[in-house]
């Protein structure tokens, strides 16, 4: 992670299947092609390392049709 990147986590309770994971990943990657996206479907947690602000990542997830809630660190 470089100095301008940060790690953010969101709980996305309405993420329930592999299609949801793919849709969220594609939405985040469309906003920042260099983002590192990790998703734990069972825990409903999306972890993103990106140069984008947390609000921009959240907006990308909302635009994909999901409801992200900022998660405290280490909810993985």
PDB file of N, CA and C in Angstrom:
ATOM      1  N   UNK A   1       0.864  -1.169   0.000  1.00  0.00           N
ATOM      2  CA  UNK A   1       0.000   0.000   0.000  1.00  0.00           C
ATOM      3  C   UNK A   1       0.908   1.229   0.000  1.00  0.00           C
ATOM      4  N   UNK A   2       0.684   2.130  -0.940  1.00  0.00           N
ATOM      5  CA  UNK A   2       1.503   3.341  -0.957  1.00  0.00           C
ATOM      6  C   UNK A   2       0.872   4.413  -0.077  1.00  0.00           C
ATOM      7  N   UNK A   3       1.574   5.532   0.052  1.00  0.00           N
ATOM      8  CA  UNK A   3       1.160   6.572   1.000  1.00  0.00           C
ATOM      9  C   UNK A   3      -0.224   7.138   0.705  1.00  0.00           C
ATOM     10  N   UNK A   4      -0.652   7.131  -0.550  1.00  0.00           N
ATOM     11  CA  UNK A   4      -1.938   7.733  -0.881  1.00  0.00           C
ATOM     12  C   UNK A   4      -3.089   6.720  -0.838  1.00  0.00           C
ATOM     13  N   UNK A   5      -2.789   5.453  -0.572  1.00  0.00           N
ATOM     14  CA  UNK A   5      -3.839   4.447  -0.498  1.00  0.00           C
ATOM     15  C   UNK A   5      -4.249   4.217   0.944  1.00  0.00           C
ATOM     16  N   UNK A   6      -5.483   3.815   1.121  1.00  0.00           N
ATOM     17  CA  UNK A   6      -5.953   3.463   2.455  1.00  0.00           C
ATOM     18  C   UNK A   6      -6.836   2.223   2.360  1.00  0.00           C
ATOM     19  N   UNK A   7      -6.970   1.550   3.484  1.00  0.00           N
ATOM     20  CA  UNK A   7      -7.797   0.353   3.571  1.00  0.00           C
ATOM     21  C   UNK A   7      -9.094   0.730   4.261  1.00  0.00           C
ATOM     22  N   UNK A   8     -10.212   0.383   3.640  1.00  0.00           N
ATOM     23  CA  UNK A   8     -11.521   0.626   4.249  1.00  0.00           C
ATOM     24  C   UNK A   8     -12.315  -0.671   4.218  1.00  0.00           C
ATOM     25  N   UNK A   9     -13.207  -0.812   5.166  1.00  0.00           N
ATOM     26  CA  UNK A   9     -14.068  -1.986   5.235  1.00  0.00           C
ATOM     27  C   UNK A   9     -15.517  -1.555   5.382  1.00  0.00           C
ATOM     28  N   UNK A  10     -16.374  -2.333   4.741  1.00  0.00           N
ATOM     29  CA  UNK A  10     -17.811  -2.104   4.823  1.00  0.00           C
ATOM     30  C   UNK A  10     -18.507  -3.419   5.108  1.00  0.00           C
ATOM     31  N   UNK A  11     -19.571  -3.351   5.895  1.00  0.00           N
ATOM     32  CA  UNK A  11     -20.486  -4.490   6.016  1.00  0.00           C
ATOM     33  C   UNK A  11     -21.561  -4.267   4.960  1.00  0.00           C
ATOM     34  N   UNK A  12     -21.845  -5.321   4.219  1.00  0.00           N
ATOM     35  CA  UNK A  12     -22.858  -5.249   3.167  1.00  0.00           C
ATOM     36  C   UNK A  12     -23.796  -6.434   3.396  1.00  0.00           C
ATOM     37  N   UNK A  13     -24.792  -6.219   4.256  1.00  0.00           N
ATOM     38  CA  UNK A  13     -25.684  -7.301   4.671  1.00  0.00           C
ATOM     39  C   UNK A  13     -26.522  -7.845   3.517  1.00  0.00           C
ATOM     40  N   UNK A  14     -26.797  -7.024   2.500  1.00  0.00           N
ATOM     41  CA  UNK A  14     -27.623  -7.501   1.391  1.00  0.00           C
ATOM     42  C   UNK A  14     -26.799  -8.179   0.288  1.00  0.00           C
ATOM     43  N   UNK A  15     -25.547  -8.479   0.556  1.00  0.00           N
ATOM     44  CA  UNK A  15     -24.688  -9.255  -0.336  1.00  0.00           C
ATOM     45  C   UNK A  15     -24.855 -10.722   0.058  1.00  0.00           C
ATOM     46  N   UNK A  16     -25.391 -11.554  -0.847  1.00  0.00           N
ATOM     47  CA  UNK A  16     -25.750 -12.906  -0.428  1.00  0.00           C
ATOM     48  C   UNK A  16     -25.226 -14.035  -1.314  1.00  0.00           C
ATOM     49  N   UNK A  17     -24.562 -13.714  -2.432  1.00  0.00           N
ATOM     50  CA  UNK A  17     -24.142 -14.789  -3.327  1.00  0.00           C
ATOM     51  C   UNK A  17     -22.924 -14.371  -4.151  1.00  0.00           C
ATOM     52  N   UNK A  18     -22.432 -15.296  -4.939  1.00  0.00           N
ATOM     53  CA  UNK A  18     -21.279 -15.025  -5.783  1.00  0.00           C
ATOM     54  C   UNK A  18     -21.535 -13.924  -6.795  1.00  0.00           C
ATOM     55  N   UNK A  19     -22.761 -13.834  -7.292  1.00  0.00           N
ATOM     56  CA  UNK A  19     -23.093 -12.768  -8.235  1.00  0.00           C
ATOM     57  C   UNK A  19     -22.960 -11.407  -7.560  1.00  0.00           C
ATOM     58  N   UNK A  20     -23.388 -11.320  -6.311  1.00  0.00           N
ATOM     59  CA  UNK A  20     -23.251 -10.074  -5.546  1.00  0.00           C
ATOM     60  C   UNK A  20     -21.777  -9.697  -5.425  1.00  0.00           C
ATOM     61  N   UNK A  21     -20.939 -10.676  -5.099  1.00  0.00           N
ATOM     62  CA  UNK A  21     -19.503 -10.440  -4.971  1.00  0.00           C
ATOM     63  C   UNK A  21     -18.941  -9.895  -6.277  1.00  0.00           C
ATOM     64  N   UNK A  22     -19.293 -10.534  -7.394  1.00  0.00           N
ATOM     65  CA  UNK A  22     -18.804 -10.085  -8.702  1.00  0.00           C
ATOM     66  C   UNK A  22     -19.275  -8.677  -9.032  1.00  0.00           C
ATOM     67  N   UNK A  23     -20.545  -8.390  -8.752  1.00  0.00           N
ATOM     68  CA  UNK A  23     -21.114  -7.081  -9.051  1.00  0.00           C
ATOM     69  C   UNK A  23     -20.430  -5.982  -8.244  1.00  0.00           C
ATOM     70  N   UNK A  24     -20.219  -6.223  -6.964  1.00  0.00           N
ATOM     71  CA  UNK A  24     -19.565  -5.232  -6.109  1.00  0.00           C
ATOM     72  C   UNK A  24     -18.117  -5.039  -6.530  1.00  0.00           C
ATOM     73  N   UNK A  25     -17.425  -6.138  -6.796  1.00  0.00           N
ATOM     74  CA  UNK A  25     -16.027  -6.042  -7.236  1.00  0.00           C
ATOM     75  C   UNK A  25     -15.919  -5.229  -8.518  1.00  0.00           C
ATOM     76  N   UNK A  26     -16.767  -5.512  -9.494  1.00  0.00           N
ATOM     77  CA  UNK A  26     -16.735  -4.783 -10.768  1.00  0.00           C
ATOM     78  C   UNK A  26     -17.040  -3.300 -10.567  1.00  0.00           C
ATOM     79  N   UNK A  27     -17.976  -2.982  -9.690  1.00  0.00           N
ATOM     80  CA  UNK A  27     -18.334  -1.582  -9.438  1.00  0.00           C
ATOM     81  C   UNK A  27     -17.157  -0.826  -8.828  1.00  0.00           C
ATOM     82  N   UNK A  28     -16.476  -1.451  -7.881  1.00  0.00           N
ATOM     83  CA  UNK A  28     -15.328  -0.793  -7.248  1.00  0.00           C
ATOM     84  C   UNK A  28     -14.195  -0.647  -8.251  1.00  0.00           C
ATOM     85  N   UNK A  29     -13.948  -1.704  -9.033  1.00  0.00           N
ATOM     86  CA  UNK A  29     -12.872  -1.661 -10.028  1.00  0.00           C
ATOM     87  C   UNK A  29     -13.175  -0.640 -11.136  1.00  0.00           C
ATOM     88  N   UNK A  30     -14.449  -0.405 -11.432  1.00  0.00           N
ATOM     89  CA  UNK A  30     -14.808   0.616 -12.423  1.00  0.00           C
ATOM     90  C   UNK A  30     -14.455   2.003 -11.901  1.00  0.00           C
ATOM     91  N   UNK A  31     -14.615   2.205 -10.586  1.00  0.00           N
ATOM     92  CA  UNK A  31     -14.289   3.496  -9.977  1.00  0.00           C
ATOM     93  C   UNK A  31     -12.785   3.659  -9.802  1.00  0.00           C
ATOM     94  N   UNK A  32     -12.079   2.569  -9.498  1.00  0.00           N
ATOM     95  CA  UNK A  32     -10.623   2.589  -9.325  1.00  0.00           C
ATOM     96  C   UNK A  32     -10.055   1.260  -9.814  1.00  0.00           C
ATOM     97  N   UNK A  33      -9.585   1.236 -11.059  1.00  0.00           N
ATOM     98  CA  UNK A  33      -9.056  -0.017 -11.624  1.00  0.00           C
ATOM     99  C   UNK A  33      -7.891  -0.611 -10.831  1.00  0.00           C
ATOM    100  N   UNK A  34      -7.205   0.198 -10.041  1.00  0.00           N
ATOM    101  CA  UNK A  34      -6.060  -0.281  -9.263  1.00  0.00           C
ATOM    102  C   UNK A  34      -6.434  -0.718  -7.850  1.00  0.00           C
ATOM    103  N   UNK A  35      -7.701  -0.655  -7.509  1.00  0.00           N
ATOM    104  CA  UNK A  35      -8.131  -1.036  -6.160  1.00  0.00           C
ATOM    105  C   UNK A  35      -7.909  -2.525  -5.931  1.00  0.00           C
ATOM    106  N   UNK A  36      -7.534  -2.856  -4.705  1.00  0.00           N
ATOM    107  CA  UNK A  36      -7.457  -4.247  -4.269  1.00  0.00           C
ATOM    108  C   UNK A  36      -8.723  -4.530  -3.472  1.00  0.00           C
ATOM    109  N   UNK A  37      -9.520  -5.479  -3.947  1.00  0.00           N
ATOM    110  CA  UNK A  37     -10.812  -5.767  -3.333  1.00  0.00           C
ATOM    111  C   UNK A  37     -10.786  -7.183  -2.759  1.00  0.00           C
ATOM    112  N   UNK A  38     -11.129  -7.302  -1.488  1.00  0.00           N
ATOM    113  CA  UNK A  38     -11.266  -8.603  -0.841  1.00  0.00           C
ATOM    114  C   UNK A  38     -12.677  -8.655  -0.260  1.00  0.00           C
ATOM    115  N   UNK A  39     -13.359  -9.765  -0.508  1.00  0.00           N
ATOM    116  CA  UNK A  39     -14.729  -9.891  -0.013  1.00  0.00           C
ATOM    117  C   UNK A  39     -14.882 -11.205   0.738  1.00  0.00           C
ATOM    118  N   UNK A  40     -15.417 -11.109   1.953  1.00  0.00           N
ATOM    119  CA  UNK A  40     -15.752 -12.276   2.754  1.00  0.00           C
ATOM    120  C   UNK A  40     -17.271 -12.374   2.737  1.00  0.00           C
ATOM    121  N   UNK A  41     -17.779 -13.217   1.858  1.00  0.00           N
ATOM    122  CA  UNK A  41     -19.226 -13.320   1.670  1.00  0.00           C
ATOM    123  C   UNK A  41     -19.936 -13.778   2.935  1.00  0.00           C
ATOM    124  N   UNK A  42     -19.381 -14.765   3.628  1.00  0.00           N
ATOM    125  CA  UNK A  42     -20.040 -15.289   4.832  1.00  0.00           C
ATOM    126  C   UNK A  42     -20.145 -14.237   5.929  1.00  0.00           C
ATOM    127  N   UNK A  43     -19.133 -13.366   6.023  1.00  0.00           N
ATOM    128  CA  UNK A  43     -19.158 -12.304   7.040  1.00  0.00           C
ATOM    129  C   UNK A  43     -19.805 -11.029   6.523  1.00  0.00           C
ATOM    130  N   UNK A  44     -20.129 -10.998   5.221  1.00  0.00           N
ATOM    131  CA  UNK A  44     -20.720  -9.811   4.586  1.00  0.00           C
ATOM    132  C   UNK A  44     -19.797  -8.601   4.699  1.00  0.00           C
ATOM    133  N   UNK A  45     -18.500  -8.824   4.512  1.00  0.00           N
ATOM    134  CA  UNK A  45     -17.515  -7.754   4.642  1.00  0.00           C
ATOM    135  C   UNK A  45     -16.799  -7.537   3.314  1.00  0.00           C
ATOM    136  N   UNK A  46     -16.703  -6.273   2.924  1.00  0.00           N
ATOM    137  CA  UNK A  46     -15.948  -5.862   1.743  1.00  0.00           C
ATOM    138  C   UNK A  46     -14.782  -5.023   2.233  1.00  0.00           C
ATOM    139  N   UNK A  47     -13.568  -5.434   1.882  1.00  0.00           N
ATOM    140  CA  UNK A  47     -12.352  -4.709   2.267  1.00  0.00           C
ATOM    141  C   UNK A  47     -11.716  -4.190   0.981  1.00  0.00           C
ATOM    142  N   UNK A  48     -11.403  -2.905   0.973  1.00  0.00           N
ATOM    143  CA  UNK A  48     -10.864  -2.271  -0.234  1.00  0.00           C
ATOM    144  C   UNK A  48      -9.628  -1.456   0.116  1.00  0.00           C
ATOM    145  N   UNK A  49      -8.577  -1.667  -0.659  1.00  0.00           N
ATOM    146  CA  UNK A  49      -7.382  -0.837  -0.582  1.00  0.00           C
ATOM    147  C   UNK A  49      -7.387   0.004  -1.850  1.00  0.00           C
ATOM    148  N   UNK A  50      -7.478   1.325  -1.683  1.00  0.00           N
ATOM    149  CA  UNK A  50      -7.673   2.197  -2.839  1.00  0.00           C
ATOM    150  C   UNK A  50      -7.198   3.614  -2.544  1.00  0.00           C
ATOM    151  N   UNK A  51      -6.951   4.348  -3.610  1.00  0.00           N
ATOM    152  CA  UNK A  51      -6.655   5.775  -3.489  1.00  0.00           C
ATOM    153  C   UNK A  51      -7.936   6.588  -3.335  1.00  0.00           C
ATOM    154  N   UNK A  52      -9.087   5.973  -3.616  1.00  0.00           N
ATOM    155  CA  UNK A  52     -10.365   6.673  -3.485  1.00  0.00           C
ATOM    156  C   UNK A  52     -10.720   6.888  -2.025  1.00  0.00           C
ATOM    157  N   UNK A  53     -11.490   7.926  -1.766  1.00  0.00           N
ATOM    158  CA  UNK A  53     -12.020   8.170  -0.430  1.00  0.00           C
ATOM    159  C   UNK A  53     -13.069   7.095  -0.117  1.00  0.00           C
ATOM    160  N   UNK A  54     -13.248   6.808   1.157  1.00  0.00           N
ATOM    161  CA  UNK A  54     -14.238   5.816   1.583  1.00  0.00           C
ATOM    162  C   UNK A  54     -15.628   6.155   1.038  1.00  0.00           C
ATOM    163  N   UNK A  55     -15.953   7.444   0.975  1.00  0.00           N
ATOM    164  CA  UNK A  55     -17.269   7.864   0.467  1.00  0.00           C
ATOM    165  C   UNK A  55     -17.440   7.473  -1.011  1.00  0.00           C
ATOM    166  N   UNK A  56     -16.364   7.560  -1.776  1.00  0.00           N
ATOM    167  CA  UNK A  56     -16.430   7.207  -3.197  1.00  0.00           C
ATOM    168  C   UNK A  56     -16.594   5.705  -3.380  1.00  0.00           C
ATOM    169  N   UNK A  57     -15.929   4.931  -2.548  1.00  0.00           N
ATOM    170  CA  UNK A  57     -16.074   3.475  -2.612  1.00  0.00           C
ATOM    171  C   UNK A  57     -17.487   3.088  -2.204  1.00  0.00           C
ATOM    172  N   UNK A  58     -17.974   3.700  -1.137  1.00  0.00           N
ATOM    173  CA  UNK A  58     -19.341   3.450  -0.691  1.00  0.00           C
ATOM    174  C   UNK A  58     -20.341   3.792  -1.792  1.00  0.00           C
ATOM    175  N   UNK A  59     -20.133   4.913  -2.473  1.00  0.00           N
ATOM    176  CA  UNK A  59     -21.031   5.327  -3.560  1.00  0.00           C
ATOM    177  C   UNK A  59     -21.026   4.308  -4.695  1.00  0.00           C
ATOM    178  N   UNK A  60     -19.870   3.736  -5.001  1.00  0.00           N
ATOM    179  CA  UNK A  60     -19.791   2.724  -6.054  1.00  0.00           C
ATOM    180  C   UNK A  60     -20.599   1.483  -5.671  1.00  0.00           C
ATOM    181  N   UNK A  61     -20.531   1.106  -4.397  1.00  0.00           N
ATOM    182  CA  UNK A  61     -21.289  -0.059  -3.925  1.00  0.00           C
ATOM    183  C   UNK A  61     -22.786   0.237  -3.964  1.00  0.00           C
ATOM    184  N   UNK A  62     -23.173   1.436  -3.562  1.00  0.00           N
ATOM    185  CA  UNK A  62     -24.584   1.849  -3.612  1.00  0.00           C
ATOM    186  C   UNK A  62     -25.074   1.852  -5.063  1.00  0.00           C
ATOM    187  N   UNK A  63     -24.277   2.391  -5.976  1.00  0.00           N
ATOM    188  CA  UNK A  63     -24.650   2.427  -7.388  1.00  0.00           C
ATOM    189  C   UNK A  63     -24.844   1.019  -7.957  1.00  0.00           C
ATOM    190  N   UNK A  64     -24.139   0.035  -7.370  1.00  0.00           N
ATOM    191  CA  UNK A  64     -24.286  -1.353  -7.807  1.00  0.00           C
ATOM    192  C   UNK A  64     -25.545  -1.999  -7.228  1.00  0.00           C
ATOM    193  N   UNK A  65     -26.230  -1.286  -6.314  1.00  0.00           N
ATOM    194  CA  UNK A  65     -27.487  -1.782  -5.780  1.00  0.00           C
ATOM    195  C   UNK A  65     -27.410  -2.370  -4.385  1.00  0.00           C
ATOM    196  N   UNK A  66     -26.350  -2.082  -3.659  1.00  0.00           N
ATOM    197  CA  UNK A  66     -26.164  -2.652  -2.323  1.00  0.00           C
ATOM    198  C   UNK A  66     -26.086  -1.564  -1.268  1.00  0.00           C
ATOM    199  N   UNK A  67     -26.110  -1.976  -0.008  1.00  0.00           N
ATOM    200  CA  UNK A  67     -26.174  -1.045   1.109  1.00  0.00           C
ATOM    201  C   UNK A  67     -24.952  -1.211   2.013  1.00  0.00           C
ATOM    202  N   UNK A  68     -23.872  -0.477   1.725  1.00  0.00           N
ATOM    203  CA  UNK A  68     -22.675  -0.599   2.558  1.00  0.00           C
ATOM    204  C   UNK A  68     -22.794   0.217   3.843  1.00  0.00           C
ATOM    205  N   UNK A  69     -22.240  -0.333   4.918  1.00  0.00           N
ATOM    206  CA  UNK A  69     -22.159   0.357   6.196  1.00  0.00           C
ATOM    207  C   UNK A  69     -20.705   0.287   6.627  1.00  0.00           C
ATOM    208  N   UNK A  70     -20.132   1.423   6.970  1.00  0.00           N
ATOM    209  CA  UNK A  70     -18.735   1.443   7.399  1.00  0.00           C
ATOM    210  C   UNK A  70     -18.543   0.454   8.542  1.00  0.00           C
ATOM    211  N   UNK A  71     -17.516  -0.361   8.426  1.00  0.00           N
ATOM    212  CA  UNK A  71     -17.230  -1.378   9.438  1.00  0.00           C
ATOM    213  C   UNK A  71     -15.978  -0.998  10.205  1.00  0.00           C
ATOM    214  N   UNK A  72     -15.945  -1.323  11.478  1.00  0.00           N
ATOM    215  CA  UNK A  72     -14.714  -1.072  12.233  1.00  0.00           C
ATOM    216  C   UNK A  72     -13.596  -1.953  11.697  1.00  0.00           C
ATOM    217  N   UNK A  73     -12.360  -1.537  11.840  1.00  0.00           N
ATOM    218  CA  UNK A  73     -11.243  -2.349  11.352  1.00  0.00           C
ATOM    219  C   UNK A  73     -11.264  -3.758  11.938  1.00  0.00           C
ATOM    220  N   UNK A  74     -10.735  -4.682  11.168  1.00  0.00           N
ATOM    221  CA  UNK A  74     -10.577  -6.073  11.605  1.00  0.00           C
ATOM    222  C   UNK A  74     -11.885  -6.795  11.876  1.00  0.00           C
ATOM    223  N   UNK A  75     -12.891  -6.545  11.062  1.00  0.00           N
ATOM    224  CA  UNK A  75     -14.133  -7.316  11.164  1.00  0.00           C
ATOM    225  C   UNK A  75     -14.047  -8.563  10.295  1.00  0.00           C
ATOM    226  N   UNK A  76     -12.937  -8.743   9.654  1.00  0.00           N
ATOM    227  CA  UNK A  76     -12.713  -9.861   8.742  1.00  0.00           C
ATOM    228  C   UNK A  76     -12.879 -11.140   9.506  1.00  0.00           C
TER     229      UNK A  76
END
